[in-house]
Amino acid sequence: MTLLVQPRLVNEPFSDPGLLLDFRFGSRAVLFDLGDLSALSPREILRVSHVFVSHMHMDHFSGFDRLLGVSLYRGKQVHIIGPPGLTDAVEAKLRAYTWNLLNERSQDFTIFASDWTEAGFATAAAFRARRAFVRQNWQNRDTQFPLDDPEFTIEAVTLDHGIPCLAFAFREKLRVNVHRSRLDELGLPVGPWLANAKRAVRRGADAATEFMPSAGKKVTLGELLRAQALVCAPGQRIAYATDLAFGPENVTRLCNLVRGADQLFIEGGFLEADRDLAASKKHLTAAQAGAIARQAGAISAHQVHLSPRYLGREDELRTEFEAEFLGGSVTAR
């Protein structure tokens, strides 16, 4: 089975949280959170088209400078989406530097920054290198989701971390797998045409839609589906949640977002013996994170954003997390 994206943690669990979703086909990636990016190569950073920031605490936003430095002299666009205040934070970052060497002949690197709320986008602005990153307000018209792509959506909910903090879910609209042996039986080659065929399936195109896999060779969408050269399956689901207090409202909202995720990446950095300390910082214990993952019906769950106070004790955190994920009794209070 070919997956649309491969998720990978940017850093080891005791460092800044961040999740890279690298698309298997096409030069593209999506990034959840913008902390320390030194572990990513320039090539990987340049693949990033969208960054989704949970909140603007330093360990979730300090990587902006590396993203900027790597991308500056490239003719590309990056969308950065986060909670209210994100657009102002991007502007403040950009205004900290002097841009007198940029002009209309510069590479047209552009940052589109947007503040997302569950009522829609509240604020959005474009910052163009050719205009020395002077703020230009614009309207982000995509209101239901932070991102609605032909192949997938990025959904979000606002959680309480003492400030608004976003959790995100990547949801592939429909997985379309290619069966190479069936293509061979039809005498069809693999190639870029298959990407167009997959898109046609996802948008519900007519069965008579034609493709040209090679010179003089045509095939219809209906023929591909009947031969099971293309087979549909439920789409991939990946969720990311970090920095949230353990309480009934947060748990309910997060579970509704995560429900049935193939993979959940969730913070759980404190031992249960330090539950009160975690609560004072509005973070989850390992056991609380495991309980949420179980309640949400996640197929697999990965513990991230571990507190450095437990360096050398990672096994204890993992044990408490896995015990609850496999079936425990922690309750929200």
Protein backbone atom coordinates (compact mmCIF):
# COMPACT_ATOMS: atom_id res chain seq x y z
CA MET A 1 0.00 0.00 0.00
CA THR A 2 1.43 3.38 -1.05
CA LEU A 3 0.86 6.19 1.44
CA LEU A 4 0.42 9.78 0.31
CA VAL A 5 2.68 11.21 3.01
CA GLN A 6 5.42 9.94 5.31
CA PRO A 7 5.35 11.61 8.75
CA ARG A 8 8.65 12.20 10.54
CA LEU A 9 9.46 13.97 13.79
CA VAL A 10 11.82 16.88 13.20
CA ASN A 11 13.73 16.41 16.47
CA GLU A 12 14.29 13.84 19.18
CA PRO A 13 11.53 13.73 21.84
CA PHE A 14 13.21 15.99 24.43
CA SER A 15 13.79 18.79 21.89
CA ASP A 16 11.43 21.23 20.17
CA PRO A 17 8.33 19.49 18.82
CA GLY A 18 7.62 19.43 15.11
CA LEU A 19 6.30 17.00 12.52
CA LEU A 20 7.23 16.90 8.84
CA LEU A 21 4.72 15.36 6.43
CA ASP A 22 6.73 14.54 3.33
CA PHE A 23 4.73 13.75 0.20
CA ARG A 24 5.95 10.66 -1.62
CA PHE A 25 5.11 12.10 -5.02
CA GLY A 26 5.97 15.65 -6.03
CA SER A 27 8.36 18.09 -4.44
CA ARG A 28 6.23 19.02 -1.45
CA ALA A 29 6.05 18.79 2.33
CA VAL A 30 3.88 20.17 5.14
CA LEU A 31 5.22 21.11 8.56
CA PHE A 32 3.42 21.11 11.90
CA ASP A 33 5.13 23.62 14.24
CA LEU A 34 8.14 25.79 13.62
CA GLY A 35 10.64 25.17 16.43
CA ASP A 36 14.29 24.25 15.92
CA LEU A 37 14.69 23.19 12.26
CA SER A 38 18.44 22.52 12.31
CA ALA A 39 17.80 18.79 11.83
CA LEU A 40 16.16 19.45 8.44
CA SER A 41 18.32 19.87 5.36
CA PRO A 42 17.86 22.92 3.09
CA ARG A 43 16.43 20.54 0.49
CA GLU A 44 13.76 19.38 2.93
CA ILE A 45 12.91 22.92 4.04
CA LEU A 46 12.53 24.04 0.43
CA ARG A 47 9.91 21.32 -0.09
CA VAL A 48 7.66 22.86 2.58
CA SER A 49 4.66 24.65 1.10
CA HIS A 50 2.62 25.10 4.30
CA VAL A 51 3.53 25.49 7.96
CA PHE A 52 0.88 25.08 10.67
CA VAL A 53 1.90 26.67 13.98
CA SER A 54 0.19 25.52 17.17
CA HIS A 55 1.13 28.70 19.10
CA MET A 56 3.95 31.19 19.30
CA HIS A 57 5.92 29.98 22.31
CA MET A 58 9.60 30.00 21.40
CA ASP A 59 10.02 26.24 21.06
CA HIS A 60 7.21 26.23 18.48
CA PHE A 61 8.18 29.30 16.46
CA SER A 62 11.93 30.00 16.68
CA GLY A 63 12.61 28.04 13.49
CA PHE A 64 11.07 30.84 11.45
CA ASP A 65 14.51 32.36 10.95
CA ARG A 66 15.95 29.20 9.42
CA LEU A 67 12.94 28.83 7.13
CA LEU A 68 13.42 32.44 6.06
CA GLY A 69 17.17 32.15 5.55
CA VAL A 70 16.96 29.02 3.43
CA SER A 71 14.06 30.32 1.30
CA LEU A 72 15.02 33.97 0.90
CA TYR A 73 16.67 33.86 -2.52
CA ARG A 74 14.21 31.42 -4.05
CA GLY A 75 11.18 32.17 -6.17
CA LYS A 76 8.75 30.26 -3.97
CA GLN A 77 5.78 30.75 -1.67
CA VAL A 78 5.25 29.55 1.88
CA HIS A 79 1.93 29.68 3.74
CA ILE A 80 2.17 29.97 7.53
CA ILE A 81 -1.08 29.43 9.43
CA GLY A 82 -1.60 29.66 13.18
CA PRO A 83 -3.80 31.03 15.96
CA PRO A 84 -4.73 34.73 16.34
CA GLY A 85 -1.57 36.81 16.51
CA LEU A 86 0.38 34.68 14.03
CA THR A 87 0.34 37.29 11.26
CA ASP A 88 1.57 40.01 13.62
CA ALA A 89 4.29 37.66 14.87
CA VAL A 90 5.51 37.01 11.32
CA GLU A 91 5.56 40.74 10.64
CA ALA A 92 7.54 41.37 13.83
CA LYS A 93 10.09 38.72 12.84
CA LEU A 94 10.53 40.26 9.40
CA ARG A 95 10.77 43.82 10.73
CA ALA A 96 13.68 42.79 12.95
CA TYR A 97 15.93 42.68 9.87
CA THR A 98 17.12 45.33 7.39
CA TRP A 99 16.02 44.68 3.81
CA ASN A 100 17.64 47.54 1.89
CA LEU A 101 19.27 45.10 -0.59
CA LEU A 102 15.91 43.74 -1.75
CA ASN A 103 14.13 45.29 -4.73
CA GLU A 104 11.93 44.47 -7.72
CA ARG A 105 14.75 42.43 -9.27
CA SER A 106 15.00 40.13 -6.24
CA GLN A 107 13.66 36.58 -6.24
CA ASP A 108 9.93 36.76 -5.52
CA PHE A 109 9.95 34.78 -2.27
CA THR A 110 6.57 35.35 -0.59
CA ILE A 111 5.20 34.47 2.82
CA PHE A 112 1.43 34.30 3.22
CA ALA A 113 0.56 34.45 6.93
CA SER A 114 -2.95 33.75 8.25
CA ASP A 115 -4.65 33.77 11.67
CA TRP A 116 -7.12 30.89 11.85
CA THR A 117 -10.11 30.55 14.17
CA GLU A 118 -12.94 28.07 14.07
CA ALA A 119 -15.12 30.85 12.67
CA GLY A 120 -12.71 31.20 9.74
CA PHE A 121 -9.62 33.23 8.95
CA ALA A 122 -9.52 36.42 11.02
CA THR A 123 -6.43 38.12 9.56
CA ALA A 124 -4.12 37.44 6.64
CA ALA A 125 -1.19 39.25 5.05
CA ALA A 126 1.37 38.72 2.30
CA PHE A 127 5.05 39.59 2.73
CA ARG A 128 7.03 39.74 -0.53
CA ALA A 129 10.79 39.90 -0.82
CA ARG A 130 10.46 42.21 -3.85
CA ARG A 131 8.65 44.69 -1.61
CA ALA A 132 11.18 44.34 1.24
CA PHE A 133 8.57 42.31 3.16
CA VAL A 134 6.26 45.26 3.70
CA ARG A 135 2.94 43.90 4.95
CA GLN A 136 0.14 43.68 2.38
CA ASN A 137 -3.18 42.65 3.88
CA TRP A 138 -5.15 40.11 1.88
CA GLN A 139 -8.17 37.88 2.37
CA ASN A 140 -7.79 34.15 2.87
CA ARG A 141 -11.10 32.84 1.55
CA ASP A 142 -10.70 29.23 2.73
CA THR A 143 -12.89 29.31 5.83
CA GLN A 144 -13.93 25.76 6.75
CA PHE A 145 -10.42 24.33 7.15
CA PRO A 146 -6.96 25.83 7.55
CA LEU A 147 -6.22 24.11 4.22
CA ASP A 148 -8.50 22.40 1.71
CA ASP A 149 -6.40 20.79 -1.03
CA PRO A 150 -7.76 18.62 -3.85
CA GLU A 151 -6.06 15.59 -2.28
CA PHE A 152 -6.35 16.30 1.45
CA THR A 153 -7.49 18.69 4.17
CA ILE A 154 -5.76 20.08 7.23
CA GLU A 155 -8.29 20.45 10.05
CA ALA A 156 -7.76 22.13 13.41
CA VAL A 157 -9.31 22.78 16.79
CA THR A 158 -8.45 25.40 19.40
CA LEU A 159 -7.32 24.03 22.76
CA ASP A 160 -6.49 25.67 26.08
CA HIS A 161 -2.81 26.05 26.99
CA GLY A 162 -3.39 29.20 29.00
CA ILE A 163 -3.49 30.75 25.52
CA PRO A 164 -5.21 29.47 22.37
CA CYS A 165 -3.23 26.55 20.96
CA LEU A 166 -4.13 24.68 17.78
CA ALA A 167 -4.09 20.92 17.24
CA PHE A 168 -4.03 19.70 13.63
CA ALA A 169 -5.18 16.70 11.62
CA PHE A 170 -4.12 15.75 8.10
CA ARG A 171 -6.90 13.86 6.32
CA GLU A 172 -6.41 12.38 2.87
CA LYS A 173 -9.72 12.64 1.01
CA LEU A 174 -9.43 9.28 -0.73
CA ARG A 175 -6.49 6.94 -1.06
CA VAL A 176 -6.00 5.69 -4.63
CA ASN A 177 -3.50 2.85 -4.92
CA VAL A 178 -1.87 1.75 -8.18
CA HIS A 179 -1.56 -1.99 -8.82
CA ARG A 180 1.48 -2.40 -11.04
CA SER A 181 0.64 -5.97 -12.06
CA ARG A 182 -2.76 -4.85 -13.38
CA LEU A 183 -1.13 -2.04 -15.32
CA ASP A 184 1.21 -4.61 -16.87
CA GLU A 185 -1.77 -6.74 -17.88
CA LEU A 186 -3.24 -3.71 -19.65
CA GLY A 187 0.10 -3.01 -21.30
CA LEU A 188 0.35 0.39 -19.61
CA PRO A 189 3.52 2.03 -18.29
CA VAL A 190 3.89 3.83 -14.98
CA GLY A 191 4.48 7.56 -15.27
CA PRO A 192 3.22 11.06 -14.47
CA TRP A 193 -0.10 10.31 -16.15
CA LEU A 194 -1.06 8.20 -13.13
CA ALA A 195 -1.06 11.28 -10.90
CA ASN A 196 -3.69 12.80 -13.19
CA ALA A 197 -5.68 9.57 -13.11
CA LYS A 198 -5.63 9.54 -9.30
CA ARG A 199 -6.83 13.15 -9.18
CA ALA A 200 -9.66 12.25 -11.55
CA VAL A 201 -10.78 9.47 -9.20
CA ARG A 202 -10.72 11.77 -6.16
CA ARG A 203 -12.85 14.42 -7.87
CA GLY A 204 -15.34 11.85 -9.15
CA ALA A 205 -14.57 12.31 -12.85
CA ASP A 206 -16.65 10.57 -15.52
CA ALA A 207 -15.65 6.98 -16.33
CA ALA A 208 -15.13 8.02 -19.96
CA THR A 209 -12.31 10.40 -19.00
CA GLU A 210 -9.31 9.52 -21.16
CA PHE A 211 -5.59 9.42 -20.42
CA MET A 212 -2.62 8.92 -22.72
CA PRO A 213 0.01 6.81 -20.90
CA SER A 214 2.22 6.67 -24.00
CA ALA A 215 2.23 7.83 -27.63
CA GLY A 216 -0.78 6.43 -29.44
CA LYS A 217 -2.08 4.61 -26.36
CA LYS A 218 -5.29 5.73 -24.64
CA VAL A 219 -7.14 4.35 -21.65
CA THR A 220 -10.29 5.49 -19.86
CA LEU A 221 -10.78 5.95 -16.15
CA GLY A 222 -13.49 3.29 -16.24
CA GLU A 223 -11.11 0.74 -17.76
CA LEU A 224 -8.52 1.43 -15.06
CA LEU A 225 -11.08 0.98 -12.29
CA ARG A 226 -12.67 -2.16 -13.76
CA ALA A 227 -9.25 -3.78 -14.16
CA GLN A 228 -8.41 -2.73 -10.59
CA ALA A 229 -5.29 -0.98 -11.81
CA LEU A 230 -6.55 1.81 -9.54
CA VAL A 231 -8.08 0.76 -6.21
CA CYS A 232 -9.68 3.10 -3.70
CA ALA A 233 -9.32 2.87 0.08
CA PRO A 234 -10.01 5.13 3.08
CA GLY A 235 -7.65 8.07 3.20
CA GLN A 236 -4.65 8.42 5.49
CA ARG A 237 -5.20 10.32 8.78
CA ILE A 238 -2.42 11.85 10.88
CA ALA A 239 -3.01 14.06 13.93
CA TYR A 240 -0.68 16.32 15.92
CA ALA A 241 -1.43 17.78 19.34
CA THR A 242 0.93 19.47 21.73
CA ASP A 243 0.78 21.88 24.67
CA LEU A 244 -2.67 21.49 26.20
CA ALA A 245 -4.18 21.29 29.65
CA PHE A 246 -5.89 18.06 30.72
CA GLY A 247 -9.56 18.88 31.18
CA PRO A 248 -12.93 17.67 29.86
CA GLU A 249 -13.34 20.33 27.16
CA ASN A 250 -9.84 19.91 25.77
CA VAL A 251 -10.16 16.13 25.79
CA THR A 252 -13.52 16.18 24.02
CA ARG A 253 -12.44 18.65 21.38
CA LEU A 254 -9.19 16.82 20.70
CA CYS A 255 -10.85 13.40 20.51
CA ASN A 256 -13.35 14.72 17.97
CA LEU A 257 -10.47 15.93 15.79
CA VAL A 258 -8.32 12.83 16.18
CA ARG A 259 -11.04 10.17 15.95
CA GLY A 260 -9.70 7.04 14.24
CA ALA A 261 -6.36 8.54 13.20
CA ASP A 262 -3.85 6.13 11.69
CA GLN A 263 -1.15 7.96 13.63
CA LEU A 264 -1.41 10.42 16.51
CA PHE A 265 1.57 12.46 17.65
CA ILE A 266 0.74 13.83 21.09
CA GLU A 267 2.65 15.50 23.89
CA GLY A 268 2.99 13.60 27.13
CA GLY A 269 6.07 14.84 28.88
CA PHE A 270 5.46 14.43 32.63
CA LEU A 271 5.27 11.42 34.91
CA GLU A 272 1.99 10.85 36.74
CA ALA A 273 3.75 11.51 40.06
CA ASP A 274 4.22 15.08 38.79
CA ARG A 275 0.61 15.47 37.64
CA ASP A 276 0.14 18.72 39.61
CA LEU A 277 3.29 20.20 38.07
CA ALA A 278 2.04 19.30 34.59
CA ALA A 279 -1.33 20.89 35.39
CA SER A 280 0.32 24.10 36.57
CA LYS A 281 2.11 24.34 33.22
CA LYS A 282 -1.02 23.28 31.32
CA HIS A 283 0.68 20.21 29.87
CA LEU A 284 -0.25 16.51 29.77
CA THR A 285 1.30 13.70 31.71
CA ALA A 286 2.33 10.60 29.77
CA ALA A 287 -0.62 8.68 31.25
CA GLN A 288 -3.10 11.43 30.32
CA ALA A 289 -1.77 11.49 26.74
CA GLY A 290 -2.12 7.72 26.48
CA ALA A 291 -5.67 7.87 27.79
CA ILE A 292 -6.61 10.50 25.20
CA ALA A 293 -5.07 8.44 22.40
CA ARG A 294 -7.08 5.41 23.52
CA GLN A 295 -10.33 7.38 23.91
CA ALA A 296 -9.89 8.89 20.44
CA GLY A 297 -9.48 5.45 18.89
CA ALA A 298 -6.07 6.21 17.39
CA ILE A 299 -4.65 3.17 15.61
CA SER A 300 -1.11 4.07 16.66
CA ALA A 301 0.12 6.81 18.97
CA HIS A 302 3.52 8.44 19.39
CA GLN A 303 4.57 10.39 22.47
CA VAL A 304 6.40 13.70 21.80
CA HIS A 305 7.59 16.85 23.60
CA LEU A 306 9.02 15.17 26.68
CA SER A 307 10.11 17.40 29.56
CA PRO A 308 13.92 17.68 29.86
CA ARG A 309 13.55 17.10 33.61
CA TYR A 310 13.26 13.38 32.72
CA LEU A 311 16.43 13.05 30.64
CA GLY A 312 17.63 9.51 31.18
CA ARG A 313 14.16 8.40 32.31
CA GLU A 314 12.44 8.16 28.93
CA ASP A 315 11.52 4.52 29.54
CA GLU A 316 9.40 5.52 32.55
CA LEU A 317 7.46 8.03 30.46
CA ARG A 318 6.97 5.49 27.68
CA THR A 319 5.76 2.85 30.12
CA GLU A 320 3.09 5.13 31.64
CA PHE A 321 1.97 6.27 28.19
CA GLU A 322 1.67 2.77 26.74
CA ALA A 323 -0.13 1.41 29.82
CA GLU A 324 -2.94 3.95 29.38
CA PHE A 325 -3.00 3.73 25.60
CA LEU A 326 -3.50 -0.03 25.83
CA GLY A 327 -6.32 0.38 28.34
CA GLY A 328 -6.13 2.39 31.54
CA SER A 329 -8.33 4.48 33.78
CA VAL A 330 -7.11 8.09 33.80
CA THR A 331 -10.02 10.57 33.79
CA ALA A 332 -10.15 14.27 33.05
CA ARG A 333 -10.71 16.61 35.97
